[in-house]
Amino acid sequence: MGEEANSADRDSEAGRDVSGLGYEQAREELVATVQRLEAGGLSLEESLALWERGEALAAHCQAKLDGARARLDAAVAAREEG
C-alpha cells in the first residue's frame, strides 16, 4: 500500500496545473526537476512523472516567453507608427 500511495503522490505532482505559475516560478521548478532527473536513482514511474512535469513546465515557460515577445514586438511597432 505504501508504494501505491507514493505513486499517487507522484502522479498528482506531475499532473498539477502549471497555468497559475509565473515564468520565474515555473523556470525554477523546471531546473529542480531536471536536476532530480539527472541525479538518477528514480524508478521508471518516478522518472516518467518528472519528465511529464518537466515537459509541461517547459511548454509553459515557452508560452510566457512567446507572449512577452509578442507584447514587445507590438510596443515597438506602435512606437514606430506613432
N, C-alpha and C. Protein backbone atom coordinates (compact mmCIF):
# COMPACT_ATOMS: atom_id res chain seq x y z
N MET A 1 0.81 -1.18 0.00
CA MET A 1 0.00 0.00 0.00
C MET A 1 0.86 1.26 0.00
N GLY A 2 2.01 1.22 0.64
CA GLY A 2 2.90 2.38 0.67
C GLY A 2 3.35 2.79 -0.72
N GLU A 3 3.70 1.81 -1.55
CA GLU A 3 4.13 2.10 -2.92
C GLU A 3 3.00 2.73 -3.72
N GLU A 4 1.76 2.25 -3.52
CA GLU A 4 0.62 2.82 -4.24
C GLU A 4 0.39 4.27 -3.84
N ALA A 5 0.55 4.58 -2.56
CA ALA A 5 0.39 5.95 -2.09
C ALA A 5 1.47 6.84 -2.68
N ASN A 6 2.72 6.35 -2.70
CA ASN A 6 3.81 7.13 -3.30
C ASN A 6 3.55 7.36 -4.78
N SER A 7 3.06 6.37 -5.48
CA SER A 7 2.75 6.50 -6.89
C SER A 7 1.66 7.54 -7.11
N ALA A 8 0.65 7.55 -6.27
CA ALA A 8 -0.42 8.54 -6.39
C ALA A 8 0.12 9.94 -6.13
N ASP A 9 1.04 10.08 -5.18
CA ASP A 9 1.64 11.39 -4.91
C ASP A 9 2.42 11.88 -6.12
N ARG A 10 3.18 10.98 -6.74
CA ARG A 10 3.96 11.36 -7.92
C ARG A 10 3.04 11.74 -9.07
N ASP A 11 1.97 10.97 -9.26
CA ASP A 11 1.03 11.27 -10.33
C ASP A 11 0.37 12.63 -10.13
N SER A 12 0.01 12.93 -8.88
CA SER A 12 -0.63 14.22 -8.64
C SER A 12 0.38 15.35 -8.81
N GLU A 13 1.64 15.13 -8.46
CA GLU A 13 2.67 16.14 -8.66
C GLU A 13 2.86 16.42 -10.14
N ALA A 14 2.93 15.38 -10.93
CA ALA A 14 3.13 15.55 -12.37
C ALA A 14 1.93 16.20 -13.02
N GLY A 15 0.73 15.91 -12.50
CA GLY A 15 -0.48 16.40 -13.11
C GLY A 15 -0.93 17.77 -12.63
N ARG A 16 -0.24 18.33 -11.65
CA ARG A 16 -0.64 19.66 -11.16
C ARG A 16 -0.59 20.66 -12.30
N ASP A 17 -1.59 21.51 -12.33
CA ASP A 17 -1.70 22.52 -13.38
C ASP A 17 -0.58 23.54 -13.23
N VAL A 18 0.04 23.89 -14.34
CA VAL A 18 1.13 24.87 -14.32
C VAL A 18 0.65 26.26 -14.72
N SER A 19 -0.60 26.40 -15.14
CA SER A 19 -1.07 27.67 -15.69
C SER A 19 -1.03 28.82 -14.69
N GLY A 20 -1.09 28.52 -13.41
CA GLY A 20 -1.07 29.57 -12.40
C GLY A 20 0.33 30.02 -12.02
N LEU A 21 1.34 29.38 -12.56
CA LEU A 21 2.72 29.72 -12.21
C LEU A 21 3.23 30.88 -13.06
N GLY A 22 3.98 31.76 -12.44
CA GLY A 22 4.68 32.79 -13.18
C GLY A 22 5.89 32.18 -13.87
N TYR A 23 6.50 32.95 -14.77
CA TYR A 23 7.65 32.43 -15.51
C TYR A 23 8.77 32.00 -14.58
N GLU A 24 9.13 32.87 -13.65
CA GLU A 24 10.27 32.57 -12.77
C GLU A 24 10.01 31.34 -11.92
N GLN A 25 8.80 31.23 -11.39
CA GLN A 25 8.46 30.08 -10.56
C GLN A 25 8.50 28.79 -11.38
N ALA A 26 7.94 28.83 -12.59
CA ALA A 26 7.95 27.65 -13.45
C ALA A 26 9.37 27.27 -13.84
N ARG A 27 10.20 28.27 -14.13
CA ARG A 27 11.58 28.00 -14.52
C ARG A 27 12.36 27.37 -13.37
N GLU A 28 12.17 27.90 -12.16
CA GLU A 28 12.86 27.32 -11.00
C GLU A 28 12.45 25.87 -10.78
N GLU A 29 11.15 25.61 -10.92
CA GLU A 29 10.69 24.23 -10.74
C GLU A 29 11.23 23.33 -11.85
N LEU A 30 11.32 23.87 -13.07
CA LEU A 30 11.86 23.10 -14.19
C LEU A 30 13.33 22.75 -13.93
N VAL A 31 14.10 23.71 -13.46
CA VAL A 31 15.51 23.45 -13.15
C VAL A 31 15.62 22.37 -12.08
N ALA A 32 14.81 22.45 -11.04
CA ALA A 32 14.84 21.44 -9.97
C ALA A 32 14.43 20.07 -10.51
N THR A 33 13.47 20.05 -11.41
CA THR A 33 13.00 18.79 -12.00
C THR A 33 14.11 18.15 -12.82
N VAL A 34 14.78 18.95 -13.62
CA VAL A 34 15.89 18.43 -14.43
C VAL A 34 17.01 17.90 -13.54
N GLN A 35 17.30 18.62 -12.47
CA GLN A 35 18.35 18.16 -11.55
C GLN A 35 17.99 16.82 -10.91
N ARG A 36 16.73 16.67 -10.55
CA ARG A 36 16.29 15.39 -9.96
C ARG A 36 16.42 14.26 -10.97
N LEU A 37 16.07 14.53 -12.23
CA LEU A 37 16.20 13.51 -13.27
C LEU A 37 17.66 13.16 -13.51
N GLU A 38 18.50 14.17 -13.57
CA GLU A 38 19.92 13.94 -13.83
C GLU A 38 20.61 13.21 -12.69
N ALA A 39 20.12 13.38 -11.47
CA ALA A 39 20.72 12.72 -10.31
C ALA A 39 20.50 11.22 -10.35
N GLY A 40 19.43 10.80 -11.04
CA GLY A 40 19.17 9.37 -11.16
C GLY A 40 18.64 8.76 -9.89
N GLY A 41 18.64 7.45 -9.86
CA GLY A 41 18.18 6.72 -8.69
C GLY A 41 16.66 6.66 -8.55
N LEU A 42 15.95 7.04 -9.58
CA LEU A 42 14.49 7.03 -9.54
C LEU A 42 13.96 5.80 -10.26
N SER A 43 12.77 5.42 -9.86
CA SER A 43 12.12 4.33 -10.58
C SER A 43 11.67 4.85 -11.95
N LEU A 44 11.30 3.94 -12.81
CA LEU A 44 10.81 4.33 -14.12
C LEU A 44 9.56 5.21 -13.99
N GLU A 45 8.66 4.82 -13.09
CA GLU A 45 7.44 5.62 -12.87
C GLU A 45 7.77 7.02 -12.40
N GLU A 46 8.69 7.13 -11.45
CA GLU A 46 9.09 8.45 -10.95
C GLU A 46 9.72 9.28 -12.06
N SER A 47 10.57 8.66 -12.83
CA SER A 47 11.23 9.37 -13.93
C SER A 47 10.23 9.86 -14.97
N LEU A 48 9.29 9.01 -15.31
CA LEU A 48 8.27 9.41 -16.29
C LEU A 48 7.41 10.55 -15.77
N ALA A 49 7.03 10.48 -14.50
CA ALA A 49 6.22 11.55 -13.91
C ALA A 49 6.99 12.87 -13.92
N LEU A 50 8.26 12.81 -13.56
CA LEU A 50 9.08 14.03 -13.59
C LEU A 50 9.26 14.54 -15.01
N TRP A 51 9.47 13.63 -15.94
CA TRP A 51 9.63 14.03 -17.34
C TRP A 51 8.38 14.76 -17.83
N GLU A 52 7.20 14.20 -17.52
CA GLU A 52 5.95 14.83 -17.94
C GLU A 52 5.77 16.20 -17.30
N ARG A 53 6.12 16.30 -16.03
CA ARG A 53 6.04 17.60 -15.35
C ARG A 53 7.00 18.58 -16.00
N GLY A 54 8.20 18.12 -16.30
CA GLY A 54 9.18 18.98 -16.96
C GLY A 54 8.70 19.47 -18.32
N GLU A 55 8.08 18.58 -19.08
CA GLU A 55 7.54 18.97 -20.39
C GLU A 55 6.48 20.05 -20.23
N ALA A 56 5.59 19.88 -19.25
CA ALA A 56 4.54 20.87 -19.01
C ALA A 56 5.14 22.21 -18.58
N LEU A 57 6.14 22.16 -17.72
CA LEU A 57 6.79 23.38 -17.26
C LEU A 57 7.53 24.08 -18.40
N ALA A 58 8.22 23.31 -19.23
CA ALA A 58 8.95 23.89 -20.36
C ALA A 58 7.99 24.55 -21.35
N ALA A 59 6.87 23.90 -21.64
CA ALA A 59 5.88 24.48 -22.55
C ALA A 59 5.29 25.76 -21.96
N HIS A 60 5.06 25.76 -20.67
CA HIS A 60 4.51 26.94 -20.00
C HIS A 60 5.51 28.10 -20.07
N CYS A 61 6.77 27.82 -19.79
CA CYS A 61 7.81 28.85 -19.88
C CYS A 61 7.91 29.40 -21.30
N GLN A 62 7.86 28.52 -22.29
CA GLN A 62 7.95 28.96 -23.67
C GLN A 62 6.76 29.84 -24.04
N ALA A 63 5.57 29.48 -23.58
CA ALA A 63 4.38 30.28 -23.85
C ALA A 63 4.51 31.67 -23.21
N LYS A 64 5.05 31.73 -22.00
CA LYS A 64 5.27 33.02 -21.33
C LYS A 64 6.26 33.86 -22.12
N LEU A 65 7.34 33.25 -22.59
CA LEU A 65 8.34 33.97 -23.38
C LEU A 65 7.76 34.44 -24.71
N ASP A 66 6.97 33.59 -25.36
CA ASP A 66 6.33 33.97 -26.62
C ASP A 66 5.39 35.15 -26.42
N GLY A 67 4.64 35.13 -25.33
CA GLY A 67 3.73 36.24 -25.03
C GLY A 67 4.48 37.53 -24.78
N ALA A 68 5.59 37.44 -24.05
CA ALA A 68 6.40 38.63 -23.79
C ALA A 68 6.99 39.17 -25.08
N ARG A 69 7.42 38.29 -25.97
CA ARG A 69 7.98 38.71 -27.25
C ARG A 69 6.92 39.41 -28.11
N ALA A 70 5.71 38.87 -28.11
CA ALA A 70 4.62 39.47 -28.88
C ALA A 70 4.28 40.86 -28.34
N ARG A 71 4.26 41.00 -27.02
CA ARG A 71 3.99 42.31 -26.43
C ARG A 71 5.09 43.30 -26.76
N LEU A 72 6.32 42.85 -26.72
CA LEU A 72 7.45 43.70 -27.05
C LEU A 72 7.40 44.12 -28.51
N ASP A 73 7.13 43.17 -29.40
CA ASP A 73 7.03 43.49 -30.82
C ASP A 73 5.90 44.48 -31.09
N ALA A 74 4.77 44.31 -30.41
CA ALA A 74 3.64 45.23 -30.58
C ALA A 74 3.99 46.62 -30.09
N ALA A 75 4.70 46.70 -28.97
CA ALA A 75 5.10 48.01 -28.44
C ALA A 75 6.07 48.72 -29.38
N VAL A 76 7.01 47.96 -29.94
CA VAL A 76 7.97 48.54 -30.87
C VAL A 76 7.26 49.01 -32.14
N ALA A 77 6.33 48.19 -32.64
CA ALA A 77 5.58 48.57 -33.85
C ALA A 77 4.74 49.81 -33.59
N ALA A 78 4.09 49.89 -32.43
CA ALA A 78 3.28 51.07 -32.11
C ALA A 78 4.15 52.31 -31.99
N ARG A 79 5.33 52.16 -31.44
CA ARG A 79 6.23 53.29 -31.30
C ARG A 79 6.70 53.79 -32.66
N GLU A 80 6.99 52.85 -33.56
CA GLU A 80 7.43 53.21 -34.91
C GLU A 80 6.33 53.89 -35.70
N GLU A 81 5.07 53.51 -35.46
CA GLU A 81 3.94 54.11 -36.16
C GLU A 81 3.62 55.49 -35.61
N GLY A 82 3.87 55.70 -34.34
CA GLY A 82 3.47 56.94 -33.67
C GLY A 82 4.49 57.95 -33.72
